[in-house]
Amino acid sequence: MTSVITGDIIDSRKQKSKDWVEDLKKILSPFGETPSQWEVYRGDEFQIEIKNPQEALLSAILIKAHLKAKKLDARMSIGFGDKTHSAEKISESNGTAFIHSGELFETLKKQKVTLAMRTGDYSIDEKINLMLQLALTFMDSWLVQAAEFVAVAIENPTLSQEELGQKLGINQAAVSRRQKRAQFDLVMNLDRYFRAQIKQITAS
């Protein structure tokens, strides 16, 4: 089983500067080689394969946090399934993970949601997408400082608040405030629940 994130930058045409394309590429580069594992195409769309499906949700949240820290945002769909064809470009690869991700992505605008997922297991999809919609009520309104905190905290899961503060150039009390404001503990609880559900699917 693999997972595929399909996304686009929200209101990209309203962005005065084109720097965001480079920013997006920098954000995606840790996910592996381009264009085989991730690709930016049609100007503002992107696709990434996350080979460990349990990492998919946190990866999407990390991308969102990095973009929010730059006053941008993205719509993203996460599809789970197999990969039946590996092409040189990820946008030309195929399998149910790609189909689930692509079909769901087409519906996001109409649903007015910025993040959703499809495994093909209706009961799991319904539960997690409802939780995601609730989480998006605060994730969609992260301000720059909260988003920066989330990105650094996800990328450095073993650091204490004090050490995160050193990375962000703020004191521990400020780290604690940002953590609360971002509802970070809730985000991590959601991720834990998601991982347990995906583990069940892959085990069955």
N, C-alpha and C. Protein backbone atom coordinates (compact mmCIF):
# COMPACT_ATOMS: atom_id res chain seq x y z
N MET A 1 0.84 -1.20 0.00
CA MET A 1 0.00 0.00 0.00
C MET A 1 0.88 1.25 0.00
N THR A 2 0.45 2.24 -0.77
CA THR A 2 1.16 3.51 -0.78
C THR A 2 0.14 4.63 -0.62
N SER A 3 0.61 5.85 -0.53
CA SER A 3 -0.31 6.99 -0.43
C SER A 3 0.18 8.13 -1.32
N VAL A 4 -0.78 8.87 -1.82
CA VAL A 4 -0.48 9.96 -2.77
C VAL A 4 -1.22 11.21 -2.34
N ILE A 5 -0.48 12.32 -2.23
CA ILE A 5 -1.09 13.61 -1.92
C ILE A 5 -1.17 14.41 -3.23
N THR A 6 -2.36 14.86 -3.58
CA THR A 6 -2.53 15.75 -4.73
C THR A 6 -2.99 17.09 -4.17
N GLY A 7 -2.38 18.18 -4.63
CA GLY A 7 -2.74 19.47 -4.06
C GLY A 7 -2.59 20.62 -5.03
N ASP A 8 -3.14 21.76 -4.64
CA ASP A 8 -2.86 22.99 -5.38
C ASP A 8 -2.85 24.16 -4.40
N ILE A 9 -2.16 25.22 -4.81
CA ILE A 9 -2.07 26.41 -3.97
C ILE A 9 -3.36 27.20 -4.12
N ILE A 10 -3.96 27.56 -2.98
CA ILE A 10 -5.22 28.31 -3.00
C ILE A 10 -4.96 29.76 -3.43
N ASP A 11 -5.78 30.24 -4.36
CA ASP A 11 -5.66 31.63 -4.84
C ASP A 11 -4.27 31.97 -5.35
N SER A 12 -3.65 31.02 -6.05
CA SER A 12 -2.27 31.27 -6.49
C SER A 12 -2.18 32.47 -7.44
N ARG A 13 -3.25 32.70 -8.20
CA ARG A 13 -3.20 33.82 -9.16
C ARG A 13 -3.22 35.17 -8.46
N LYS A 14 -3.68 35.16 -7.21
CA LYS A 14 -3.72 36.43 -6.46
C LYS A 14 -2.38 36.75 -5.81
N GLN A 15 -1.46 35.80 -5.85
CA GLN A 15 -0.14 36.04 -5.24
C GLN A 15 0.66 36.95 -6.17
N LYS A 16 1.06 38.09 -5.64
CA LYS A 16 1.79 39.06 -6.49
C LYS A 16 3.12 38.47 -6.94
N SER A 17 3.81 37.86 -5.97
CA SER A 17 5.15 37.39 -6.27
C SER A 17 5.10 35.95 -6.74
N LYS A 18 6.00 35.58 -7.61
CA LYS A 18 6.06 34.20 -8.08
C LYS A 18 7.03 33.38 -7.21
N ASP A 19 7.53 34.03 -6.14
CA ASP A 19 8.49 33.34 -5.26
C ASP A 19 7.90 32.07 -4.66
N TRP A 20 6.56 32.05 -4.55
CA TRP A 20 5.94 30.93 -3.86
C TRP A 20 6.20 29.60 -4.57
N VAL A 21 6.44 29.66 -5.88
CA VAL A 21 6.72 28.40 -6.62
C VAL A 21 8.02 27.80 -6.08
N GLU A 22 9.02 28.67 -5.89
CA GLU A 22 10.31 28.20 -5.34
C GLU A 22 10.12 27.74 -3.90
N ASP A 23 9.31 28.49 -3.14
CA ASP A 23 9.03 28.11 -1.75
C ASP A 23 8.40 26.72 -1.71
N LEU A 24 7.44 26.48 -2.60
CA LEU A 24 6.75 25.19 -2.64
C LEU A 24 7.75 24.07 -2.94
N LYS A 25 8.63 24.32 -3.90
CA LYS A 25 9.63 23.29 -4.26
C LYS A 25 10.56 23.00 -3.08
N LYS A 26 10.91 24.04 -2.33
CA LYS A 26 11.77 23.85 -1.14
C LYS A 26 11.05 23.01 -0.09
N ILE A 27 9.75 23.27 0.08
CA ILE A 27 8.94 22.53 1.06
C ILE A 27 8.84 21.05 0.66
N LEU A 28 8.72 20.80 -0.64
CA LEU A 28 8.53 19.42 -1.10
C LEU A 28 9.84 18.63 -1.25
N SER A 29 10.96 19.34 -1.36
CA SER A 29 12.23 18.64 -1.66
C SER A 29 12.63 17.58 -0.63
N PRO A 30 12.32 17.72 0.69
CA PRO A 30 12.69 16.63 1.61
C PRO A 30 11.93 15.33 1.36
N PHE A 31 10.87 15.37 0.54
CA PHE A 31 10.08 14.16 0.30
C PHE A 31 10.70 13.23 -0.74
N GLY A 32 11.89 13.58 -1.23
CA GLY A 32 12.56 12.67 -2.17
C GLY A 32 12.89 13.35 -3.48
N GLU A 33 13.07 12.53 -4.51
CA GLU A 33 13.52 13.02 -5.81
C GLU A 33 12.33 13.56 -6.62
N THR A 34 12.58 14.63 -7.37
CA THR A 34 11.58 15.09 -8.33
C THR A 34 12.07 14.73 -9.73
N PRO A 35 11.25 14.33 -10.68
CA PRO A 35 9.79 14.24 -10.60
C PRO A 35 9.25 12.85 -10.25
N SER A 36 10.14 11.94 -9.80
CA SER A 36 9.65 10.57 -9.57
C SER A 36 8.83 10.44 -8.28
N GLN A 37 9.21 11.20 -7.21
CA GLN A 37 8.47 11.09 -5.94
C GLN A 37 7.58 12.30 -5.66
N TRP A 38 7.95 13.44 -6.22
CA TRP A 38 7.07 14.62 -6.11
C TRP A 38 7.28 15.48 -7.35
N GLU A 39 6.25 16.26 -7.65
CA GLU A 39 6.31 17.07 -8.86
C GLU A 39 5.38 18.27 -8.71
N VAL A 40 5.84 19.42 -9.21
CA VAL A 40 4.98 20.60 -9.31
C VAL A 40 4.67 20.76 -10.79
N TYR A 41 3.38 20.85 -11.12
CA TYR A 41 3.03 20.94 -12.54
C TYR A 41 1.85 21.89 -12.72
N ARG A 42 1.58 22.27 -13.94
CA ARG A 42 0.52 23.22 -14.26
C ARG A 42 0.60 24.47 -13.39
N GLY A 43 1.81 24.86 -13.06
CA GLY A 43 1.99 26.10 -12.31
C GLY A 43 1.78 25.99 -10.82
N ASP A 44 0.57 25.55 -10.41
CA ASP A 44 0.30 25.60 -8.97
C ASP A 44 -0.18 24.28 -8.40
N GLU A 45 -0.10 23.20 -9.18
CA GLU A 45 -0.54 21.89 -8.66
C GLU A 45 0.68 21.05 -8.32
N PHE A 46 0.50 20.15 -7.37
CA PHE A 46 1.62 19.28 -7.00
C PHE A 46 1.11 17.90 -6.62
N GLN A 47 2.02 16.94 -6.71
CA GLN A 47 1.68 15.57 -6.31
C GLN A 47 2.90 14.95 -5.64
N ILE A 48 2.65 14.19 -4.57
CA ILE A 48 3.75 13.56 -3.81
C ILE A 48 3.33 12.14 -3.47
N GLU A 49 4.28 11.22 -3.61
CA GLU A 49 4.01 9.87 -3.12
C GLU A 49 4.66 9.74 -1.75
N ILE A 50 3.87 9.36 -0.74
CA ILE A 50 4.38 9.09 0.60
C ILE A 50 4.34 7.58 0.76
N LYS A 51 5.53 6.96 0.68
CA LYS A 51 5.55 5.50 0.58
C LYS A 51 5.07 4.79 1.84
N ASN A 52 5.26 5.42 3.00
CA ASN A 52 4.70 4.86 4.23
C ASN A 52 3.36 5.56 4.48
N PRO A 53 2.24 4.86 4.23
CA PRO A 53 0.93 5.51 4.33
C PRO A 53 0.64 6.12 5.70
N GLN A 54 1.26 5.56 6.75
CA GLN A 54 1.02 6.11 8.10
C GLN A 54 1.57 7.53 8.25
N GLU A 55 2.51 7.89 7.37
CA GLU A 55 3.13 9.23 7.44
C GLU A 55 2.33 10.27 6.64
N ALA A 56 1.30 9.81 5.91
CA ALA A 56 0.66 10.69 4.92
C ALA A 56 -0.01 11.91 5.53
N LEU A 57 -0.76 11.70 6.61
CA LEU A 57 -1.50 12.84 7.18
C LEU A 57 -0.54 13.88 7.76
N LEU A 58 0.45 13.43 8.52
CA LEU A 58 1.39 14.38 9.12
C LEU A 58 2.17 15.12 8.03
N SER A 59 2.46 14.42 6.93
CA SER A 59 3.15 15.06 5.80
C SER A 59 2.30 16.19 5.23
N ALA A 60 1.00 15.93 5.06
CA ALA A 60 0.10 16.96 4.52
C ALA A 60 -0.01 18.14 5.48
N ILE A 61 -0.08 17.84 6.79
CA ILE A 61 -0.18 18.91 7.79
C ILE A 61 1.11 19.73 7.81
N LEU A 62 2.25 19.05 7.64
CA LEU A 62 3.54 19.76 7.60
C LEU A 62 3.60 20.71 6.39
N ILE A 63 3.14 20.24 5.24
CA ILE A 63 3.11 21.10 4.04
C ILE A 63 2.22 22.31 4.29
N LYS A 64 1.07 22.05 4.89
CA LYS A 64 0.13 23.15 5.20
C LYS A 64 0.78 24.17 6.14
N ALA A 65 1.46 23.67 7.17
CA ALA A 65 2.10 24.56 8.14
C ALA A 65 3.18 25.42 7.47
N HIS A 66 4.01 24.78 6.64
CA HIS A 66 5.05 25.54 5.93
C HIS A 66 4.44 26.61 5.04
N LEU A 67 3.36 26.27 4.34
CA LEU A 67 2.71 27.25 3.46
C LEU A 67 2.08 28.37 4.27
N LYS A 68 1.40 28.01 5.37
CA LYS A 68 0.76 29.01 6.23
C LYS A 68 1.80 29.98 6.81
N ALA A 69 3.00 29.46 7.08
CA ALA A 69 4.08 30.31 7.60
C ALA A 69 4.51 31.34 6.56
N LYS A 70 4.17 31.06 5.29
CA LYS A 70 4.50 32.02 4.21
C LYS A 70 3.23 32.71 3.70
N LYS A 71 2.18 32.66 4.52
CA LYS A 71 0.89 33.29 4.19
C LYS A 71 0.27 32.71 2.92
N LEU A 72 0.49 31.43 2.72
CA LEU A 72 -0.13 30.70 1.60
C LEU A 72 -0.96 29.58 2.20
N ASP A 73 -1.69 28.86 1.36
CA ASP A 73 -2.38 27.66 1.82
C ASP A 73 -2.61 26.76 0.61
N ALA A 74 -2.93 25.50 0.88
CA ALA A 74 -3.16 24.55 -0.21
C ALA A 74 -4.40 23.73 0.07
N ARG A 75 -5.01 23.26 -1.01
CA ARG A 75 -6.06 22.24 -0.94
C ARG A 75 -5.35 20.92 -1.20
N MET A 76 -5.59 19.89 -0.38
CA MET A 76 -4.90 18.61 -0.59
C MET A 76 -5.82 17.42 -0.37
N SER A 77 -5.69 16.43 -1.23
CA SER A 77 -6.41 15.17 -1.04
C SER A 77 -5.36 14.07 -0.88
N ILE A 78 -5.63 13.15 0.04
CA ILE A 78 -4.70 12.03 0.25
C ILE A 78 -5.42 10.75 -0.18
N GLY A 79 -4.83 10.04 -1.13
CA GLY A 79 -5.40 8.78 -1.60
C GLY A 79 -4.53 7.61 -1.15
N PHE A 80 -5.17 6.50 -0.80
CA PHE A 80 -4.45 5.30 -0.37
C PHE A 80 -4.81 4.14 -1.29
N GLY A 81 -3.86 3.27 -1.51
CA GLY A 81 -4.12 2.12 -2.37
C GLY A 81 -2.82 1.59 -2.94
N ASP A 82 -2.91 0.95 -4.12
CA ASP A 82 -1.68 0.40 -4.69
C ASP A 82 -1.12 1.30 -5.79
N LYS A 83 0.07 0.94 -6.22
CA LYS A 83 0.71 1.64 -7.33
C LYS A 83 1.00 0.56 -8.37
N THR A 84 0.29 0.62 -9.49
CA THR A 84 0.42 -0.45 -10.48
C THR A 84 1.37 -0.07 -11.60
N HIS A 85 1.64 1.24 -11.73
CA HIS A 85 2.54 1.68 -12.80
C HIS A 85 3.44 2.79 -12.28
N SER A 86 4.75 2.56 -12.35
CA SER A 86 5.71 3.60 -11.94
C SER A 86 6.28 4.28 -13.18
N ALA A 87 5.98 5.56 -13.34
CA ALA A 87 6.53 6.32 -14.47
C ALA A 87 7.68 7.19 -13.96
N GLU A 88 8.41 7.79 -14.91
CA GLU A 88 9.51 8.69 -14.51
C GLU A 88 8.95 9.88 -13.75
N LYS A 89 7.75 10.33 -14.15
CA LYS A 89 7.09 11.44 -13.46
C LYS A 89 5.95 10.88 -12.63
N ILE A 90 5.86 11.34 -11.40
CA ILE A 90 4.80 10.83 -10.53
C ILE A 90 3.41 11.14 -11.10
N SER A 91 3.28 12.27 -11.81
CA SER A 91 1.97 12.64 -12.37
C SER A 91 1.52 11.67 -13.46
N GLU A 92 2.45 10.82 -13.93
CA GLU A 92 2.09 9.84 -14.97
C GLU A 92 2.04 8.41 -14.41
N SER A 93 2.31 8.26 -13.10
CA SER A 93 2.20 6.94 -12.47
C SER A 93 0.73 6.62 -12.24
N ASN A 94 0.44 5.35 -11.90
CA ASN A 94 -0.97 4.97 -11.76
C ASN A 94 -1.18 3.91 -10.69
N GLY A 95 -2.44 3.67 -10.36
CA GLY A 95 -2.83 2.71 -9.33
C GLY A 95 -3.98 3.29 -8.53
N THR A 96 -4.56 2.49 -7.63
CA THR A 96 -5.74 2.98 -6.89
C THR A 96 -5.41 4.17 -5.98
N ALA A 97 -4.18 4.22 -5.46
CA ALA A 97 -3.80 5.37 -4.60
C ALA A 97 -3.90 6.67 -5.41
N PHE A 98 -3.46 6.62 -6.67
CA PHE A 98 -3.49 7.81 -7.54
C PHE A 98 -4.93 8.16 -7.93
N ILE A 99 -5.72 7.11 -8.22
CA ILE A 99 -7.13 7.33 -8.61
C ILE A 99 -7.90 7.94 -7.44
N HIS A 100 -7.73 7.34 -6.23
CA HIS A 100 -8.42 7.87 -5.05
C HIS A 100 -8.05 9.33 -4.79
N SER A 101 -6.76 9.62 -4.90
CA SER A 101 -6.28 10.97 -4.63
C SER A 101 -6.80 11.96 -5.67
N GLY A 102 -6.71 11.57 -6.95
CA GLY A 102 -7.12 12.46 -8.04
C GLY A 102 -8.61 12.73 -8.05
N GLU A 103 -9.41 11.68 -7.89
CA GLU A 103 -10.87 11.85 -7.92
C GLU A 103 -11.34 12.70 -6.74
N LEU A 104 -10.77 12.44 -5.57
CA LEU A 104 -11.15 13.21 -4.38
C LEU A 104 -10.75 14.68 -4.53
N PHE A 105 -9.57 14.91 -5.09
CA PHE A 105 -9.06 16.27 -5.27
C PHE A 105 -10.05 17.12 -6.08
N GLU A 106 -10.63 16.49 -7.10
CA GLU A 106 -11.58 17.22 -7.97
C GLU A 106 -12.82 17.70 -7.21
N THR A 107 -13.11 17.08 -6.07
CA THR A 107 -14.34 17.44 -5.33
C THR A 107 -14.08 18.44 -4.19
N LEU A 108 -12.81 18.72 -3.88
CA LEU A 108 -12.51 19.52 -2.68
C LEU A 108 -13.10 20.93 -2.73
N LYS A 109 -12.99 21.57 -3.92
CA LYS A 109 -13.51 22.94 -4.03
C LYS A 109 -15.00 22.98 -3.71
N LYS A 110 -15.72 22.02 -4.28
CA LYS A 110 -17.18 21.97 -4.08
C LYS A 110 -17.51 21.69 -2.61
N GLN A 111 -16.70 20.80 -2.00
CA GLN A 111 -16.92 20.47 -0.59
C GLN A 111 -16.52 21.60 0.35
N LYS A 112 -15.77 22.57 -0.22
CA LYS A 112 -15.23 23.69 0.58
C LYS A 112 -14.36 23.19 1.74
N VAL A 113 -13.56 22.16 1.47
CA VAL A 113 -12.59 21.70 2.47
C VAL A 113 -11.19 21.76 1.86
N THR A 114 -10.18 21.95 2.72
CA THR A 114 -8.82 22.07 2.21
C THR A 114 -8.01 20.78 2.40
N LEU A 115 -8.59 19.79 3.10
CA LEU A 115 -7.86 18.54 3.30
C LEU A 115 -8.86 17.41 3.52
N ALA A 116 -8.70 16.33 2.74
CA ALA A 116 -9.58 15.16 2.89
C ALA A 116 -8.80 13.93 2.44
N MET A 117 -9.31 12.75 2.80
CA MET A 117 -8.60 11.53 2.42
C MET A 117 -9.56 10.44 1.98
N ARG A 118 -9.04 9.50 1.18
CA ARG A 118 -9.87 8.38 0.73
C ARG A 118 -9.03 7.10 0.71
N THR A 119 -9.51 6.12 1.50
CA THR A 119 -8.82 4.82 1.51
C THR A 119 -9.60 3.79 0.69
N GLY A 120 -10.89 4.10 0.46
CA GLY A 120 -11.75 3.11 -0.19
C GLY A 120 -12.56 2.34 0.84
N ASP A 121 -12.19 2.49 2.14
CA ASP A 121 -12.97 1.87 3.22
C ASP A 121 -13.91 2.96 3.76
N TYR A 122 -15.19 2.85 3.39
CA TYR A 122 -16.13 3.95 3.63
C TYR A 122 -16.21 4.36 5.10
N SER A 123 -16.26 3.39 6.02
CA SER A 123 -16.47 3.75 7.43
C SER A 123 -15.26 4.50 7.99
N ILE A 124 -14.05 4.09 7.59
CA ILE A 124 -12.84 4.79 8.05
C ILE A 124 -12.77 6.18 7.42
N ASP A 125 -13.06 6.25 6.12
CA ASP A 125 -13.01 7.55 5.43
C ASP A 125 -13.98 8.54 6.06
N GLU A 126 -15.19 8.07 6.37
CA GLU A 126 -16.20 8.97 6.93
C GLU A 126 -15.75 9.52 8.28
N LYS A 127 -15.22 8.63 9.13
CA LYS A 127 -14.78 9.06 10.47
C LYS A 127 -13.62 10.06 10.39
N ILE A 128 -12.59 9.68 9.64
CA ILE A 128 -11.40 10.54 9.63
C ILE A 128 -11.68 11.86 8.91
N ASN A 129 -12.49 11.84 7.85
CA ASN A 129 -12.78 13.10 7.16
C ASN A 129 -13.61 14.04 8.03
N LEU A 130 -14.47 13.48 8.87
CA LEU A 130 -15.22 14.33 9.81
C LEU A 130 -14.26 14.96 10.82
N MET A 131 -13.32 14.15 11.32
CA MET A 131 -12.31 14.68 12.26
C MET A 131 -11.46 15.76 11.59
N LEU A 132 -11.10 15.52 10.32
CA LEU A 132 -10.29 16.50 9.59
C LEU A 132 -11.06 17.81 9.43
N GLN A 133 -12.35 17.71 9.11
CA GLN A 133 -13.15 18.94 8.97
C GLN A 133 -13.17 19.73 10.27
N LEU A 134 -13.28 19.03 11.38
CA LEU A 134 -13.25 19.72 12.69
C LEU A 134 -11.88 20.35 12.93
N ALA A 135 -10.81 19.62 12.62
CA ALA A 135 -9.45 20.14 12.83
C ALA A 135 -9.17 21.34 11.92
N LEU A 136 -9.74 21.32 10.72
CA LEU A 136 -9.51 22.43 9.78
C LEU A 136 -10.15 23.73 10.27
N THR A 137 -11.12 23.63 11.20
CA THR A 137 -11.71 24.88 11.72
C THR A 137 -10.64 25.73 12.39
N PHE A 138 -9.57 25.10 12.93
CA PHE A 138 -8.48 25.94 13.46
C PHE A 138 -7.23 25.90 12.56
N MET A 139 -6.97 24.78 11.86
CA MET A 139 -5.75 24.72 11.03
C MET A 139 -5.82 25.72 9.87
N ASP A 140 -7.03 25.91 9.31
CA ASP A 140 -7.16 26.86 8.21
C ASP A 140 -6.91 28.29 8.65
N SER A 141 -7.00 28.55 9.96
CA SER A 141 -6.78 29.93 10.39
C SER A 141 -5.48 30.11 11.19
N TRP A 142 -4.56 29.14 11.07
CA TRP A 142 -3.24 29.33 11.69
C TRP A 142 -2.61 30.62 11.18
N LEU A 143 -2.09 31.42 12.10
CA LEU A 143 -1.33 32.61 11.70
C LEU A 143 0.14 32.20 11.55
N VAL A 144 0.94 33.11 11.02
CA VAL A 144 2.34 32.78 10.68
C VAL A 144 3.09 32.15 11.85
N GLN A 145 3.00 32.76 13.04
CA GLN A 145 3.79 32.25 14.19
C GLN A 145 3.36 30.86 14.61
N ALA A 146 2.05 30.63 14.64
CA ALA A 146 1.56 29.30 15.01
C ALA A 146 1.99 28.26 13.98
N ALA A 147 1.89 28.62 12.71
CA ALA A 147 2.26 27.70 11.62
C ALA A 147 3.76 27.37 11.68
N GLU A 148 4.57 28.40 11.95
CA GLU A 148 6.03 28.16 12.07
C GLU A 148 6.30 27.18 13.19
N PHE A 149 5.61 27.37 14.32
CA PHE A 149 5.78 26.45 15.45
C PHE A 149 5.43 25.02 15.04
N VAL A 150 4.28 24.84 14.37
CA VAL A 150 3.83 23.50 13.98
C VAL A 150 4.86 22.83 13.08
N ALA A 151 5.38 23.57 12.09
CA ALA A 151 6.36 22.99 11.15
C ALA A 151 7.62 22.53 11.90
N VAL A 152 8.14 23.39 12.78
CA VAL A 152 9.36 23.05 13.52
C VAL A 152 9.11 21.89 14.48
N ALA A 153 7.94 21.88 15.12
CA ALA A 153 7.63 20.81 16.09
C ALA A 153 7.46 19.46 15.38
N ILE A 154 6.85 19.45 14.19
CA ILE A 154 6.68 18.19 13.45
C ILE A 154 8.04 17.68 12.97
N GLU A 155 8.88 18.60 12.53
CA GLU A 155 10.19 18.19 11.99
C GLU A 155 11.19 17.81 13.09
N ASN A 156 10.90 18.22 14.33
CA ASN A 156 11.82 17.91 15.45
C ASN A 156 11.03 17.30 16.61
N PRO A 157 10.49 16.09 16.40
CA PRO A 157 9.55 15.53 17.39
C PRO A 157 10.17 15.24 18.75
N THR A 158 11.49 15.15 18.84
CA THR A 158 12.10 14.79 20.13
C THR A 158 12.51 16.00 20.96
N LEU A 159 12.40 17.21 20.39
CA LEU A 159 12.89 18.39 21.11
C LEU A 159 11.91 18.84 22.20
N SER A 160 12.48 19.34 23.29
CA SER A 160 11.66 19.91 24.37
C SER A 160 11.18 21.30 23.94
N GLN A 161 10.24 21.86 24.72
CA GLN A 161 9.76 23.22 24.42
C GLN A 161 10.91 24.21 24.41
N GLU A 162 11.84 24.01 25.37
CA GLU A 162 12.99 24.93 25.47
C GLU A 162 13.83 24.86 24.18
N GLU A 163 14.08 23.62 23.71
CA GLU A 163 14.90 23.45 22.50
C GLU A 163 14.18 23.97 21.25
N LEU A 164 12.85 23.78 21.22
CA LEU A 164 12.08 24.34 20.09
C LEU A 164 12.18 25.87 20.11
N GLY A 165 12.15 26.42 21.33
CA GLY A 165 12.27 27.87 21.49
C GLY A 165 13.59 28.39 20.93
N GLN A 166 14.67 27.64 21.18
CA GLN A 166 15.99 28.04 20.65
C GLN A 166 15.95 28.07 19.12
N LYS A 167 15.30 27.09 18.52
CA LYS A 167 15.20 27.05 17.05
C LYS A 167 14.37 28.23 16.53
N LEU A 168 13.33 28.60 17.28
CA LEU A 168 12.42 29.67 16.83
C LEU A 168 12.87 31.05 17.32
N GLY A 169 13.88 31.06 18.20
CA GLY A 169 14.35 32.34 18.73
C GLY A 169 13.39 32.98 19.71
N ILE A 170 12.68 32.13 20.47
CA ILE A 170 11.72 32.65 21.47
C ILE A 170 11.90 31.87 22.78
N ASN A 171 11.31 32.39 23.87
CA ASN A 171 11.47 31.68 25.14
C ASN A 171 10.43 30.56 25.29
N GLN A 172 10.60 29.78 26.35
CA GLN A 172 9.73 28.61 26.52
C GLN A 172 8.27 28.99 26.70
N ALA A 173 8.01 30.10 27.41
CA ALA A 173 6.62 30.54 27.63
C ALA A 173 5.95 30.87 26.30
N ALA A 174 6.70 31.49 25.39
CA ALA A 174 6.16 31.83 24.06
C ALA A 174 5.89 30.56 23.24
N VAL A 175 6.79 29.57 23.40
CA VAL A 175 6.59 28.28 22.72
C VAL A 175 5.28 27.66 23.20
N SER A 176 5.09 27.67 24.50
CA SER A 176 3.89 27.09 25.10
C SER A 176 2.62 27.79 24.58
N ARG A 177 2.69 29.10 24.46
CA ARG A 177 1.53 29.86 23.95
C ARG A 177 1.22 29.49 22.51
N ARG A 178 2.28 29.40 21.70
CA ARG A 178 2.07 29.05 20.29
C ARG A 178 1.53 27.64 20.13
N GLN A 179 2.04 26.75 20.98
CA GLN A 179 1.57 25.35 20.94
C GLN A 179 0.07 25.30 21.22
N LYS A 180 -0.36 26.06 22.23
CA LYS A 180 -1.79 26.12 22.58
C LYS A 180 -2.60 26.74 21.45
N ARG A 181 -2.09 27.86 20.93
CA ARG A 181 -2.82 28.59 19.89
C ARG A 181 -3.02 27.73 18.65
N ALA A 182 -2.00 26.94 18.34
CA ALA A 182 -2.06 26.08 17.15
C ALA A 182 -2.87 24.81 17.40
N GLN A 183 -3.28 24.59 18.66
CA GLN A 183 -3.99 23.34 19.05
C GLN A 183 -3.14 22.12 18.67
N PHE A 184 -1.84 22.24 18.90
CA PHE A 184 -0.90 21.22 18.41
C PHE A 184 -1.13 19.84 19.03
N ASP A 185 -1.50 19.82 20.31
CA ASP A 185 -1.71 18.51 20.95
C ASP A 185 -2.88 17.76 20.30
N LEU A 186 -3.90 18.52 19.92
CA LEU A 186 -5.05 17.92 19.23
C LEU A 186 -4.62 17.37 17.87
N VAL A 187 -3.78 18.13 17.17
CA VAL A 187 -3.28 17.69 15.85
C VAL A 187 -2.55 16.36 16.00
N MET A 188 -1.71 16.25 17.02
CA MET A 188 -0.94 15.02 17.22
C MET A 188 -1.84 13.86 17.64
N ASN A 189 -2.90 14.14 18.40
CA ASN A 189 -3.86 13.09 18.76
C ASN A 189 -4.59 12.58 17.52
N LEU A 190 -4.95 13.50 16.64
CA LEU A 190 -5.60 13.12 15.38
C LEU A 190 -4.66 12.24 14.55
N ASP A 191 -3.39 12.63 14.51
CA ASP A 191 -2.41 11.86 13.74
C ASP A 191 -2.27 10.45 14.32
N ARG A 192 -2.24 10.34 15.64
CA ARG A 192 -2.13 9.00 16.27
C ARG A 192 -3.33 8.12 15.91
N TYR A 193 -4.51 8.71 15.97
CA TYR A 193 -5.72 7.95 15.64
C TYR A 193 -5.68 7.51 14.17
N PHE A 194 -5.29 8.43 13.31
CA PHE A 194 -5.18 8.14 11.87
C PHE A 194 -4.21 6.98 11.62
N ARG A 195 -3.03 7.04 12.27
CA ARG A 195 -2.02 5.97 12.08
C ARG A 195 -2.57 4.60 12.48
N ALA A 196 -3.32 4.58 13.60
CA ALA A 196 -3.88 3.31 14.07
C ALA A 196 -4.88 2.75 13.06
N GLN A 197 -5.69 3.64 12.46
CA GLN A 197 -6.68 3.21 11.46
C GLN A 197 -6.00 2.66 10.20
N ILE A 198 -4.96 3.37 9.75
CA ILE A 198 -4.25 2.95 8.54
C ILE A 198 -3.52 1.63 8.78
N LYS A 199 -2.99 1.48 9.98
CA LYS A 199 -2.29 0.23 10.34
C LYS A 199 -3.26 -0.95 10.23
N GLN A 200 -4.49 -0.73 10.69
CA GLN A 200 -5.52 -1.78 10.61
C GLN A 200 -5.78 -2.19 9.17
N ILE A 201 -5.90 -1.17 8.29
CA ILE A 201 -6.19 -1.46 6.88
C ILE A 201 -5.04 -2.26 6.26
N THR A 202 -3.80 -1.80 6.54
CA THR A 202 -2.65 -2.45 5.90
C THR A 202 -2.43 -3.85 6.46
N ALA A 203 -2.88 -4.06 7.71
CA ALA A 203 -2.69 -5.40 8.32
C ALA A 203 -3.73 -6.40 7.82
N SER A 204 -4.91 -5.85 7.41
CA SER A 204 -6.00 -6.80 7.06
C SER A 204 -5.83 -7.37 5.66
